[in-house]
Amino acid sequence: MAQNPAVYIVTNRPGGTLYIGMTGNLRHRVWQHRTHALPGFTDRYNLERLVWFELHSEMRVAIQREKSLKRWRRAWKVALIQESNPGWRDLWPELF
């Protein structure tokens, strides 16, 4: 299966809990969050809204970006989201 590396942020509401992830298949991974297919942090906090994502050409680059973003202060993450998605709208429909 071809991989399309992406780094993404999901939340439960504008200004809510944030989760940063990395995947090779963004549509499938966000679907897993939305349907609570896997138990864990995103399931527990109802993190279903895709509010930011970034596509990469290589997995190693996406992994490094994810690690970098996870070290950022919350205010920087919020600013990143607001820069491209000020209304914190769900970007799920844009994946199709």
PDB file of N, CA and C in Angstrom:
ATOM      1  N   MET A   1       0.845  -1.177   0.000  1.00  0.00           N
ATOM      2  CA  MET A   1       0.000   0.000   0.000  1.00  0.00           C
ATOM      3  C   MET A   1       0.894   1.246   0.000  1.00  0.00           C
ATOM      4  N   ALA A   2       0.580   2.192  -0.864  1.00  0.00           N
ATOM      5  CA  ALA A   2       1.330   3.442  -0.926  1.00  0.00           C
ATOM      6  C   ALA A   2       1.060   4.282   0.312  1.00  0.00           C
ATOM      7  N   GLN A   3       2.096   4.910   0.794  1.00  0.00           N
ATOM      8  CA  GLN A   3       1.942   5.747   1.977  1.00  0.00           C
ATOM      9  C   GLN A   3       1.956   7.208   1.573  1.00  0.00           C
ATOM     10  N   ASN A   4       1.130   7.971   2.250  1.00  0.00           N
ATOM     11  CA  ASN A   4       1.062   9.417   2.074  1.00  0.00           C
ATOM     12  C   ASN A   4       1.260  10.027   3.447  1.00  0.00           C
ATOM     13  N   PRO A   5       2.511  10.225   3.860  1.00  0.00           N
ATOM     14  CA  PRO A   5       2.797  10.698   5.212  1.00  0.00           C
ATOM     15  C   PRO A   5       2.140  12.045   5.521  1.00  0.00           C
ATOM     16  N   ALA A   6       1.590  12.120   6.713  1.00  0.00           N
ATOM     17  CA  ALA A   6       0.948  13.357   7.161  1.00  0.00           C
ATOM     18  C   ALA A   6       1.088  13.492   8.669  1.00  0.00           C
ATOM     19  N   VAL A   7       1.147  14.735   9.107  1.00  0.00           N
ATOM     20  CA  VAL A   7       1.103  15.078  10.524  1.00  0.00           C
ATOM     21  C   VAL A   7      -0.217  15.818  10.700  1.00  0.00           C
ATOM     22  N   TYR A   8      -0.896  15.584  11.808  1.00  0.00           N
ATOM     23  CA  TYR A   8      -2.219  16.166  11.972  1.00  0.00           C
ATOM     24  C   TYR A   8      -2.504  16.512  13.433  1.00  0.00           C
ATOM     25  N   ILE A   9      -3.516  17.360  13.621  1.00  0.00           N
ATOM     26  CA  ILE A   9      -3.995  17.695  14.963  1.00  0.00           C
ATOM     27  C   ILE A   9      -5.502  17.490  14.982  1.00  0.00           C
ATOM     28  N   VAL A  10      -5.968  16.742  15.974  1.00  0.00           N
ATOM     29  CA  VAL A  10      -7.402  16.585  16.212  1.00  0.00           C
ATOM     30  C   VAL A  10      -7.736  17.163  17.582  1.00  0.00           C
ATOM     31  N   THR A  11      -8.994  17.557  17.736  1.00  0.00           N
ATOM     32  CA  THR A  11      -9.472  18.141  18.987  1.00  0.00           C
ATOM     33  C   THR A  11     -10.931  17.759  19.190  1.00  0.00           C
ATOM     34  N   ASN A  12     -11.478  18.135  20.332  1.00  0.00           N
ATOM     35  CA  ASN A  12     -12.891  17.869  20.607  1.00  0.00           C
ATOM     36  C   ASN A  12     -13.757  19.109  20.401  1.00  0.00           C
ATOM     37  N   ARG A  13     -13.128  20.282  20.421  1.00  0.00           N
ATOM     38  CA  ARG A  13     -13.858  21.546  20.245  1.00  0.00           C
ATOM     39  C   ARG A  13     -12.841  22.665  20.081  1.00  0.00           C
ATOM     40  N   PRO A  14     -13.271  23.826  19.581  1.00  0.00           N
ATOM     41  CA  PRO A  14     -12.328  24.940  19.466  1.00  0.00           C
ATOM     42  C   PRO A  14     -11.681  25.257  20.823  1.00  0.00           C
ATOM     43  N   GLY A  15     -10.376  25.316  20.837  1.00  0.00           N
ATOM     44  CA  GLY A  15      -9.648  25.594  22.069  1.00  0.00           C
ATOM     45  C   GLY A  15      -9.599  24.436  23.036  1.00  0.00           C
ATOM     46  N   GLY A  16     -10.058  23.261  22.613  1.00  0.00           N
ATOM     47  CA  GLY A  16     -10.118  22.096  23.498  1.00  0.00           C
ATOM     48  C   GLY A  16      -8.817  21.315  23.556  1.00  0.00           C
ATOM     49  N   THR A  17      -8.935  20.086  23.997  1.00  0.00           N
ATOM     50  CA  THR A  17      -7.794  19.186  24.102  1.00  0.00           C
ATOM     51  C   THR A  17      -7.223  18.922  22.714  1.00  0.00           C
ATOM     52  N   LEU A  18      -5.906  18.920  22.596  1.00  0.00           N
ATOM     53  CA  LEU A  18      -5.237  18.697  21.321  1.00  0.00           C
ATOM     54  C   LEU A  18      -4.497  17.366  21.319  1.00  0.00           C
ATOM     55  N   TYR A  19      -4.500  16.719  20.158  1.00  0.00           N
ATOM     56  CA  TYR A  19      -3.707  15.513  19.962  1.00  0.00           C
ATOM     57  C   TYR A  19      -2.973  15.659  18.644  1.00  0.00           C
ATOM     58  N   ILE A  20      -1.676  15.462  18.665  1.00  0.00           N
ATOM     59  CA  ILE A  20      -0.852  15.514  17.456  1.00  0.00           C
ATOM     60  C   ILE A  20      -0.479  14.087  17.091  1.00  0.00           C
ATOM     61  N   GLY A  21      -0.687  13.748  15.832  1.00  0.00           N
ATOM     62  CA  GLY A  21      -0.360  12.412  15.361  1.00  0.00           C
ATOM     63  C   GLY A  21       0.318  12.445  14.010  1.00  0.00           C
ATOM     64  N   MET A  22       0.805  11.288  13.595  1.00  0.00           N
ATOM     65  CA  MET A  22       1.460  11.120  12.306  1.00  0.00           C
ATOM     66  C   MET A  22       0.961   9.809  11.737  1.00  0.00           C
ATOM     67  N   THR A  23       0.745   9.774  10.429  1.00  0.00           N
ATOM     68  CA  THR A  23       0.219   8.572   9.800  1.00  0.00           C
ATOM     69  C   THR A  23       0.653   8.483   8.350  1.00  0.00           C
ATOM     70  N   GLY A  24       0.536   7.318   7.790  1.00  0.00           N
ATOM     71  CA  GLY A  24       0.782   7.111   6.371  1.00  0.00           C
ATOM     72  C   GLY A  24      -0.501   7.141   5.564  1.00  0.00           C
ATOM     73  N   ASN A  25      -1.655   7.197   6.255  1.00  0.00           N
ATOM     74  CA  ASN A  25      -2.955   7.220   5.591  1.00  0.00           C
ATOM     75  C   ASN A  25      -3.894   8.109   6.408  1.00  0.00           C
ATOM     76  N   LEU A  26      -3.906   9.390   6.098  1.00  0.00           N
ATOM     77  CA  LEU A  26      -4.645  10.362   6.904  1.00  0.00           C
ATOM     78  C   LEU A  26      -6.145  10.081   6.940  1.00  0.00           C
ATOM     79  N   ARG A  27      -6.744   9.780   5.795  1.00  0.00           N
ATOM     80  CA  ARG A  27      -8.194   9.507   5.793  1.00  0.00           C
ATOM     81  C   ARG A  27      -8.558   8.370   6.739  1.00  0.00           C
ATOM     82  N   HIS A  28      -7.812   7.290   6.638  1.00  0.00           N
ATOM     83  CA  HIS A  28      -8.112   6.127   7.487  1.00  0.00           C
ATOM     84  C   HIS A  28      -7.888   6.458   8.968  1.00  0.00           C
ATOM     85  N   ARG A  29      -6.813   7.137   9.262  1.00  0.00           N
ATOM     86  CA  ARG A  29      -6.506   7.440  10.667  1.00  0.00           C
ATOM     87  C   ARG A  29      -7.541   8.370  11.277  1.00  0.00           C
ATOM     88  N   VAL A  30      -7.958   9.399  10.537  1.00  0.00           N
ATOM     89  CA  VAL A  30      -8.987  10.313  11.064  1.00  0.00           C
ATOM     90  C   VAL A  30     -10.308   9.571  11.207  1.00  0.00           C
ATOM     91  N   TRP A  31     -10.613   8.676  10.268  1.00  0.00           N
ATOM     92  CA  TRP A  31     -11.816   7.849  10.396  1.00  0.00           C
ATOM     93  C   TRP A  31     -11.761   7.050  11.704  1.00  0.00           C
ATOM     94  N   GLN A  32     -10.595   6.508  12.042  1.00  0.00           N
ATOM     95  CA  GLN A  32     -10.448   5.762  13.296  1.00  0.00           C
ATOM     96  C   GLN A  32     -10.750   6.656  14.494  1.00  0.00           C
ATOM     97  N   HIS A  33     -10.272   7.891  14.463  1.00  0.00           N
ATOM     98  CA  HIS A  33     -10.561   8.815  15.565  1.00  0.00           C
ATOM     99  C   HIS A  33     -12.058   9.115  15.626  1.00  0.00           C
ATOM    100  N   ARG A  34     -12.660   9.391  14.487  1.00  0.00           N
ATOM    101  CA  ARG A  34     -14.073   9.781  14.438  1.00  0.00           C
ATOM    102  C   ARG A  34     -15.006   8.659  14.880  1.00  0.00           C
ATOM    103  N   THR A  35     -14.638   7.420  14.604  1.00  0.00           N
ATOM    104  CA  THR A  35     -15.492   6.280  14.950  1.00  0.00           C
ATOM    105  C   THR A  35     -15.083   5.608  16.264  1.00  0.00           C
ATOM    106  N   HIS A  36     -14.051   6.131  16.901  1.00  0.00           N
ATOM    107  CA  HIS A  36     -13.550   5.560  18.161  1.00  0.00           C
ATOM    108  C   HIS A  36     -13.180   4.091  17.978  1.00  0.00           C
ATOM    109  N   ALA A  37     -12.575   3.799  16.822  1.00  0.00           N
ATOM    110  CA  ALA A  37     -12.211   2.424  16.482  1.00  0.00           C
ATOM    111  C   ALA A  37     -11.130   1.859  17.387  1.00  0.00           C
ATOM    112  N   LEU A  38     -10.302   2.730  17.953  1.00  0.00           N
ATOM    113  CA  LEU A  38      -9.212   2.277  18.811  1.00  0.00           C
ATOM    114  C   LEU A  38      -9.315   2.937  20.182  1.00  0.00           C
ATOM    115  N   PRO A  39      -9.160   2.167  21.249  1.00  0.00           N
ATOM    116  CA  PRO A  39      -9.186   2.776  22.583  1.00  0.00           C
ATOM    117  C   PRO A  39      -7.914   3.588  22.811  1.00  0.00           C
ATOM    118  N   GLY A  40      -8.021   4.571  23.669  1.00  0.00           N
ATOM    119  CA  GLY A  40      -6.838   5.362  23.994  1.00  0.00           C
ATOM    120  C   GLY A  40      -7.197   6.805  24.270  1.00  0.00           C
ATOM    121  N   PHE A  41      -6.188   7.650  24.199  1.00  0.00           N
ATOM    122  CA  PHE A  41      -6.327   9.064  24.541  1.00  0.00           C
ATOM    123  C   PHE A  41      -7.399   9.761  23.711  1.00  0.00           C
ATOM    124  N   THR A  42      -7.347   9.604  22.383  1.00  0.00           N
ATOM    125  CA  THR A  42      -8.313  10.319  21.540  1.00  0.00           C
ATOM    126  C   THR A  42      -9.730   9.797  21.754  1.00  0.00           C
ATOM    127  N   ASP A  43      -9.875   8.537  22.032  1.00  0.00           N
ATOM    128  CA  ASP A  43     -11.191   7.965  22.322  1.00  0.00           C
ATOM    129  C   ASP A  43     -11.711   8.498  23.656  1.00  0.00           C
ATOM    130  N   ARG A  44     -10.855   8.501  24.663  1.00  0.00           N
ATOM    131  CA  ARG A  44     -11.235   8.939  26.015  1.00  0.00           C
ATOM    132  C   ARG A  44     -11.691  10.396  26.034  1.00  0.00           C
ATOM    133  N   TYR A  45     -11.014  11.242  25.255  1.00  0.00           N
ATOM    134  CA  TYR A  45     -11.331  12.671  25.259  1.00  0.00           C
ATOM    135  C   TYR A  45     -12.183  13.115  24.065  1.00  0.00           C
ATOM    136  N   ASN A  46     -12.710  12.134  23.320  1.00  0.00           N
ATOM    137  CA  ASN A  46     -13.628  12.414  22.215  1.00  0.00           C
ATOM    138  C   ASN A  46     -13.004  13.357  21.174  1.00  0.00           C
ATOM    139  N   LEU A  47     -11.770  13.091  20.799  1.00  0.00           N
ATOM    140  CA  LEU A  47     -11.050  13.942  19.856  1.00  0.00           C
ATOM    141  C   LEU A  47     -11.344  13.467  18.434  1.00  0.00           C
ATOM    142  N   GLU A  48     -12.333  14.079  17.809  1.00  0.00           N
ATOM    143  CA  GLU A  48     -12.818  13.657  16.497  1.00  0.00           C
ATOM    144  C   GLU A  48     -12.642  14.711  15.416  1.00  0.00           C
ATOM    145  N   ARG A  49     -12.373  15.942  15.775  1.00  0.00           N
ATOM    146  CA  ARG A  49     -12.350  17.059  14.824  1.00  0.00           C
ATOM    147  C   ARG A  49     -10.932  17.299  14.304  1.00  0.00           C
ATOM    148  N   LEU A  50     -10.725  17.064  13.017  1.00  0.00           N
ATOM    149  CA  LEU A  50      -9.437  17.343  12.378  1.00  0.00           C
ATOM    150  C   LEU A  50      -9.359  18.843  12.127  1.00  0.00           C
ATOM    151  N   VAL A  51      -8.420  19.523  12.775  1.00  0.00           N
ATOM    152  CA  VAL A  51      -8.337  20.980  12.642  1.00  0.00           C
ATOM    153  C   VAL A  51      -7.070  21.458  11.928  1.00  0.00           C
ATOM    154  N   TRP A  52      -6.113  20.567  11.724  1.00  0.00           N
ATOM    155  CA  TRP A  52      -4.878  20.945  11.035  1.00  0.00           C
ATOM    156  C   TRP A  52      -4.201  19.690  10.527  1.00  0.00           C
ATOM    157  N   PHE A  53      -3.618  19.779   9.340  1.00  0.00           N
ATOM    158  CA  PHE A  53      -2.786  18.684   8.851  1.00  0.00           C
ATOM    159  C   PHE A  53      -1.761  19.225   7.878  1.00  0.00           C
ATOM    160  N   GLU A  54      -0.714  18.445   7.708  1.00  0.00           N
ATOM    161  CA  GLU A  54       0.403  18.818   6.847  1.00  0.00           C
ATOM    162  C   GLU A  54       0.880  17.543   6.155  1.00  0.00           C
ATOM    163  N   LEU A  55       0.940  17.554   4.842  1.00  0.00           N
ATOM    164  CA  LEU A  55       1.379  16.387   4.077  1.00  0.00           C
ATOM    165  C   LEU A  55       2.883  16.452   3.852  1.00  0.00           C
ATOM    166  N   HIS A  56       3.516  15.285   3.801  1.00  0.00           N
ATOM    167  CA  HIS A  56       4.965  15.202   3.606  1.00  0.00           C
ATOM    168  C   HIS A  56       5.289  14.179   2.529  1.00  0.00           C
ATOM    169  N   SER A  57       6.462  14.304   1.948  1.00  0.00           N
ATOM    170  CA  SER A  57       6.873  13.381   0.894  1.00  0.00           C
ATOM    171  C   SER A  57       7.524  12.115   1.440  1.00  0.00           C
ATOM    172  N   GLU A  58       8.024  12.176   2.667  1.00  0.00           N
ATOM    173  CA  GLU A  58       8.717  11.031   3.262  1.00  0.00           C
ATOM    174  C   GLU A  58       8.275  10.824   4.708  1.00  0.00           C
ATOM    175  N   MET A  59       8.191   9.561   5.104  1.00  0.00           N
ATOM    176  CA  MET A  59       7.791   9.225   6.473  1.00  0.00           C
ATOM    177  C   MET A  59       8.760   9.815   7.493  1.00  0.00           C
ATOM    178  N   ARG A  60      10.058   9.744   7.212  1.00  0.00           N
ATOM    179  CA  ARG A  60      11.029  10.233   8.192  1.00  0.00           C
ATOM    180  C   ARG A  60      10.851  11.728   8.453  1.00  0.00           C
ATOM    181  N   VAL A  61      10.470  12.473   7.448  1.00  0.00           N
ATOM    182  CA  VAL A  61      10.236  13.913   7.611  1.00  0.00           C
ATOM    183  C   VAL A  61       8.984  14.134   8.461  1.00  0.00           C
ATOM    184  N   ALA A  62       7.929  13.358   8.204  1.00  0.00           N
ATOM    185  CA  ALA A  62       6.694  13.470   8.983  1.00  0.00           C
ATOM    186  C   ALA A  62       6.937  13.097  10.442  1.00  0.00           C
ATOM    187  N   ILE A  63       7.715  12.068  10.674  1.00  0.00           N
ATOM    188  CA  ILE A  63       8.022  11.644  12.042  1.00  0.00           C
ATOM    189  C   ILE A  63       8.768  12.751  12.785  1.00  0.00           C
ATOM    190  N   GLN A  64       9.750  13.356  12.125  1.00  0.00           N
ATOM    191  CA  GLN A  64      10.501  14.449  12.758  1.00  0.00           C
ATOM    192  C   GLN A  64       9.603  15.646  13.057  1.00  0.00           C
ATOM    193  N   ARG A  65       8.712  15.966  12.117  1.00  0.00           N
ATOM    194  CA  ARG A  65       7.798  17.100  12.323  1.00  0.00           C
ATOM    195  C   ARG A  65       6.862  16.821  13.493  1.00  0.00           C
ATOM    196  N   GLU A  66       6.332  15.610  13.578  1.00  0.00           N
ATOM    197  CA  GLU A  66       5.459  15.248  14.699  1.00  0.00           C
ATOM    198  C   GLU A  66       6.205  15.402  16.025  1.00  0.00           C
ATOM    199  N   LYS A  67       7.400  14.881  16.091  1.00  0.00           N
ATOM    200  CA  LYS A  67       8.192  14.986  17.320  1.00  0.00           C
ATOM    201  C   LYS A  67       8.446  16.438  17.687  1.00  0.00           C
ATOM    202  N   SER A  68       8.742  17.244  16.695  1.00  0.00           N
ATOM    203  CA  SER A  68       8.987  18.663  16.925  1.00  0.00           C
ATOM    204  C   SER A  68       7.734  19.357  17.469  1.00  0.00           C
ATOM    205  N   LEU A  69       6.588  19.130  16.817  1.00  0.00           N
ATOM    206  CA  LEU A  69       5.338  19.768  17.256  1.00  0.00           C
ATOM    207  C   LEU A  69       4.942  19.345  18.665  1.00  0.00           C
ATOM    208  N   LYS A  70       5.209  18.108  19.017  1.00  0.00           N
ATOM    209  CA  LYS A  70       4.857  17.633  20.355  1.00  0.00           C
ATOM    210  C   LYS A  70       5.664  18.341  21.446  1.00  0.00           C
ATOM    211  N   ARG A  71       6.805  18.901  21.071  1.00  0.00           N
ATOM    212  CA  ARG A  71       7.611  19.647  22.044  1.00  0.00           C
ATOM    213  C   ARG A  71       7.200  21.109  22.144  1.00  0.00           C
ATOM    214  N   TRP A  72       6.388  21.571  21.225  1.00  0.00           N
ATOM    215  CA  TRP A  72       5.953  22.968  21.223  1.00  0.00           C
ATOM    216  C   TRP A  72       5.069  23.275  22.423  1.00  0.00           C
ATOM    217  N   ARG A  73       5.065  24.527  22.825  1.00  0.00           N
ATOM    218  CA  ARG A  73       4.119  25.007  23.840  1.00  0.00           C
ATOM    219  C   ARG A  73       2.719  25.003  23.245  1.00  0.00           C
ATOM    220  N   ARG A  74       1.724  24.837  24.108  1.00  0.00           N
ATOM    221  CA  ARG A  74       0.338  24.798  23.652  1.00  0.00           C
ATOM    222  C   ARG A  74      -0.022  26.057  22.860  1.00  0.00           C
ATOM    223  N   ALA A  75       0.401  27.214  23.314  1.00  0.00           N
ATOM    224  CA  ALA A  75       0.067  28.469  22.630  1.00  0.00           C
ATOM    225  C   ALA A  75       0.579  28.464  21.188  1.00  0.00           C
ATOM    226  N   TRP A  76       1.735  27.872  20.945  1.00  0.00           N
ATOM    227  CA  TRP A  76       2.276  27.801  19.592  1.00  0.00           C
ATOM    228  C   TRP A  76       1.425  26.877  18.721  1.00  0.00           C
ATOM    229  N   LYS A  77       0.962  25.775  19.311  1.00  0.00           N
ATOM    230  CA  LYS A  77       0.108  24.837  18.572  1.00  0.00           C
ATOM    231  C   LYS A  77      -1.218  25.501  18.205  1.00  0.00           C
ATOM    232  N   VAL A  78      -1.789  26.225  19.154  1.00  0.00           N
ATOM    233  CA  VAL A  78      -3.048  26.939  18.904  1.00  0.00           C
ATOM    234  C   VAL A  78      -2.838  27.973  17.799  1.00  0.00           C
ATOM    235  N   ALA A  79      -1.733  28.685  17.830  1.00  0.00           N
ATOM    236  CA  ALA A  79      -1.437  29.679  16.800  1.00  0.00           C
ATOM    237  C   ALA A  79      -1.288  29.014  15.429  1.00  0.00           C
ATOM    238  N   LEU A  80      -0.671  27.850  15.381  1.00  0.00           N
ATOM    239  CA  LEU A  80      -0.518  27.105  14.127  1.00  0.00           C
ATOM    240  C   LEU A  80      -1.886  26.767  13.541  1.00  0.00           C
ATOM    241  N   ILE A  81      -2.786  26.300  14.380  1.00  0.00           N
ATOM    242  CA  ILE A  81      -4.139  25.963  13.933  1.00  0.00           C
ATOM    243  C   ILE A  81      -4.853  27.226  13.451  1.00  0.00           C
ATOM    244  N   GLN A  82      -4.819  28.264  14.255  1.00  0.00           N
ATOM    245  CA  GLN A  82      -5.563  29.487  13.940  1.00  0.00           C
ATOM    246  C   GLN A  82      -5.044  30.184  12.686  1.00  0.00           C
ATOM    247  N   GLU A  83      -3.782  29.990  12.382  1.00  0.00           N
ATOM    248  CA  GLU A  83      -3.207  30.601  11.180  1.00  0.00           C
ATOM    249  C   GLU A  83      -3.899  30.098   9.913  1.00  0.00           C
ATOM    250  N   SER A  84      -4.177  28.816   9.843  1.00  0.00           N
ATOM    251  CA  SER A  84      -4.788  28.247   8.640  1.00  0.00           C
ATOM    252  C   SER A  84      -6.263  27.902   8.813  1.00  0.00           C
ATOM    253  N   ASN A  85      -6.731  27.843  10.054  1.00  0.00           N
ATOM    254  CA  ASN A  85      -8.105  27.431  10.318  1.00  0.00           C
ATOM    255  C   ASN A  85      -8.651  28.216  11.516  1.00  0.00           C
ATOM    256  N   PRO A  86      -8.855  29.531  11.355  1.00  0.00           N
ATOM    257  CA  PRO A  86      -9.248  30.371  12.496  1.00  0.00           C
ATOM    258  C   PRO A  86     -10.577  29.981  13.144  1.00  0.00           C
ATOM    259  N   GLY A  87     -11.463  29.351  12.393  1.00  0.00           N
ATOM    260  CA  GLY A  87     -12.746  28.920  12.959  1.00  0.00           C
ATOM    261  C   GLY A  87     -12.709  27.536  13.574  1.00  0.00           C
ATOM    262  N   TRP A  88     -11.558  26.892  13.536  1.00  0.00           N
ATOM    263  CA  TRP A  88     -11.384  25.537  14.050  1.00  0.00           C
ATOM    264  C   TRP A  88     -12.418  24.587  13.432  1.00  0.00           C
ATOM    265  N   ARG A  89     -12.730  24.800  12.133  1.00  0.00           N
ATOM    266  CA  ARG A  89     -13.714  23.934  11.489  1.00  0.00           C
ATOM    267  C   ARG A  89     -13.114  22.549  11.268  1.00  0.00           C
ATOM    268  N   ASP A  90     -13.963  21.569  11.158  1.00  0.00           N
ATOM    269  CA  ASP A  90     -13.535  20.194  10.937  1.00  0.00           C
ATOM    270  C   ASP A  90     -13.106  20.048   9.482  1.00  0.00           C
ATOM    271  N   LEU A  91     -11.870  19.652   9.247  1.00  0.00           N
ATOM    272  CA  LEU A  91     -11.322  19.529   7.901  1.00  0.00           C
ATOM    273  C   LEU A  91     -11.563  18.154   7.279  1.00  0.00           C
ATOM    274  N   TRP A  92     -12.234  17.284   7.994  1.00  0.00           N
ATOM    275  CA  TRP A  92     -12.519  15.926   7.501  1.00  0.00           C
ATOM    276  C   TRP A  92     -13.095  15.939   6.082  1.00  0.00           C
ATOM    277  N   PRO A  93     -14.099  16.771   5.770  1.00  0.00           N
ATOM    278  CA  PRO A  93     -14.658  16.753   4.406  1.00  0.00           C
ATOM    279  C   PRO A  93     -13.638  17.121   3.327  1.00  0.00           C
ATOM    280  N   GLU A  94     -12.614  17.853   3.675  1.00  0.00           N
ATOM    281  CA  GLU A  94     -11.600  18.259   2.699  1.00  0.00           C
ATOM    282  C   GLU A  94     -10.684  17.106   2.282  1.00  0.00           C
ATOM    283  N   LEU A  95     -10.745  16.000   2.991  1.00  0.00           N
ATOM    284  CA  LEU A  95      -9.890  14.859   2.667  1.00  0.00           C
ATOM    285  C   LEU A  95     -10.446  14.052   1.500  1.00  0.00           C
ATOM    286  N   PHE A  96     -11.628  14.414   1.034  1.00  0.00           N
ATOM    287  CA  PHE A  96     -12.267  13.651  -0.063  1.00  0.00           C
ATOM    288  C   PHE A  96     -12.415  14.456  -1.314  1.00  0.00           C
TER     289      PHE A  96
END
